[in-house]
C-alpha atoms as a PDB file:
ATOM      1  CA  UNK A   1      73.949  21.584  57.572  1.00  0.00           C
ATOM      2  CA  UNK A   2      77.184  22.000  58.952  1.00  0.00           C
ATOM      3  CA  UNK A   3      77.413  19.853  61.848  1.00  0.00           C
ATOM      4  CA  UNK A   4      75.970  17.703  58.660  1.00  0.00           C
ATOM      5  CA  UNK A   5      78.782  18.718  56.439  1.00  0.00           C
ATOM      6  CA  UNK A   6      81.363  17.852  58.942  1.00  0.00           C
ATOM      7  CA  UNK A   7      79.839  14.638  59.912  1.00  0.00           C
ATOM      8  CA  UNK A   8      80.491  13.759  56.332  1.00  0.00           C
ATOM      9  CA  UNK A   9      83.533  15.238  55.455  1.00  0.00           C
ATOM     10  CA  UNK A  10      85.599  14.394  58.839  1.00  0.00           C
ATOM     11  CA  UNK A  11      83.247  11.230  60.513  1.00  0.00           C
ATOM     12  CA  UNK A  12      81.278   9.328  57.709  1.00  0.00           C
ATOM     13  CA  UNK A  13      80.699   6.673  59.652  1.00  0.00           C
ATOM     14  CA  UNK A  14      79.220   8.753  63.275  1.00  0.00           C
ATOM     15  CA  UNK A  15      76.011   9.628  61.208  1.00  0.00           C
ATOM     16  CA  UNK A  16      72.699   8.592  62.120  1.00  0.00           C
ATOM     17  CA  UNK A  17      69.728   8.897  60.916  1.00  0.00           C
ATOM     18  CA  UNK A  18      68.902  11.637  63.560  1.00  0.00           C
ATOM     19  CA  UNK A  19      71.441  13.800  61.390  1.00  0.00           C
ATOM     20  CA  UNK A  20      69.541  13.248  58.169  1.00  0.00           C
ATOM     21  CA  UNK A  21      66.786  14.114  60.125  1.00  0.00           C
ATOM     22  CA  UNK A  22      67.582  17.639  61.390  1.00  0.00           C
ATOM     23  CA  UNK A  23      68.688  18.215  57.918  1.00  0.00           C
ATOM     24  CA  UNK A  24      64.941  17.201  56.770  1.00  0.00           C
ATOM     25  CA  UNK A  25      63.552  20.018  59.076  1.00  0.00           C
ATOM     26  CA  UNK A  26      64.936  22.905  56.847  1.00  0.00           C
ATOM     27  CA  UNK A  27      65.415  20.979  53.422  1.00  0.00           C
ATOM     28  CA  UNK A  28      63.524  18.701  51.607  1.00  0.00           C
ATOM     29  CA  UNK A  29      64.397  15.738  50.503  1.00  0.00           C
ATOM     30  CA  UNK A  30      65.969  16.591  46.537  1.00  0.00           C
ATOM     31  CA  UNK A  31      67.959  19.361  48.535  1.00  0.00           C
ATOM     32  CA  UNK A  32      69.599  16.741  51.075  1.00  0.00           C
ATOM     33  CA  UNK A  33      70.411  14.574  48.412  1.00  0.00           C
ATOM     34  CA  UNK A  34      72.233  17.718  46.177  1.00  0.00           C
ATOM     35  CA  UNK A  35      73.510  19.132  49.452  1.00  0.00           C
ATOM     36  CA  UNK A  36      75.206  15.495  50.194  1.00  0.00           C
ATOM     37  CA  UNK A  37      76.267  15.693  46.409  1.00  0.00           C
ATOM     38  CA  UNK A  38      78.074  18.800  46.376  1.00  0.00           C
ATOM     39  CA  UNK A  39      80.414  17.744  49.797  1.00  0.00           C
ATOM     40  CA  UNK A  40      81.372  14.580  48.745  1.00  0.00           C
ATOM     41  CA  UNK A  41      82.693  15.706  45.564  1.00  0.00           C
ATOM     42  CA  UNK A  42      84.353  18.470  46.920  1.00  0.00           C
ATOM     43  CA  UNK A  43      85.855  16.051  49.478  1.00  0.00           C
ATOM     44  CA  UNK A  44      86.862  13.495  46.436  1.00  0.00           C
ATOM     45  CA  UNK A  45      88.432  16.338  44.423  1.00  0.00           C
ATOM     46  CA  UNK A  46      90.150  17.719  47.762  1.00  0.00           C
ATOM     47  CA  UNK A  47      91.431  14.000  48.192  1.00  0.00           C
ATOM     48  CA  UNK A  48      92.541  13.695  44.938  1.00  0.00           C
ATOM     49  CA  UNK A  49      94.178  17.074  44.627  1.00  0.00           C
ATOM     50  CA  UNK A  50      96.178  15.850  48.208  1.00  0.00           C
ATOM     51  CA  UNK A  51      96.431  12.514  47.037  1.00  0.00           C
ATOM     52  CA  UNK A  52      98.245  14.017  43.738  1.00  0.00           C
ATOM     53  CA  UNK A  53     100.041  16.646  45.104  1.00  0.00           C
ATOM     54  CA  UNK A  54      98.812  19.474  43.098  1.00  0.00           C
ATOM     55  CA  UNK A  55      99.837  22.978  43.626  1.00  0.00           C
ATOM     56  CA  UNK A  56      97.225  25.602  44.764  1.00  0.00           C
ATOM     57  CA  UNK A  57      97.263  27.760  41.927  1.00  0.00           C
END
């Protein structure tokens, strides 16, 4: 899960089927989708806040 998170966050173009297969050993399809959505949402929120220079509170 940590490798998947790192790849999706920093190097999404380097992800391949083996990364999804590794997740499938521990999570079902619904959980993989939910995990991906959570990571993508966090990344999107961070990029929006960074891009708009929103101060951390």
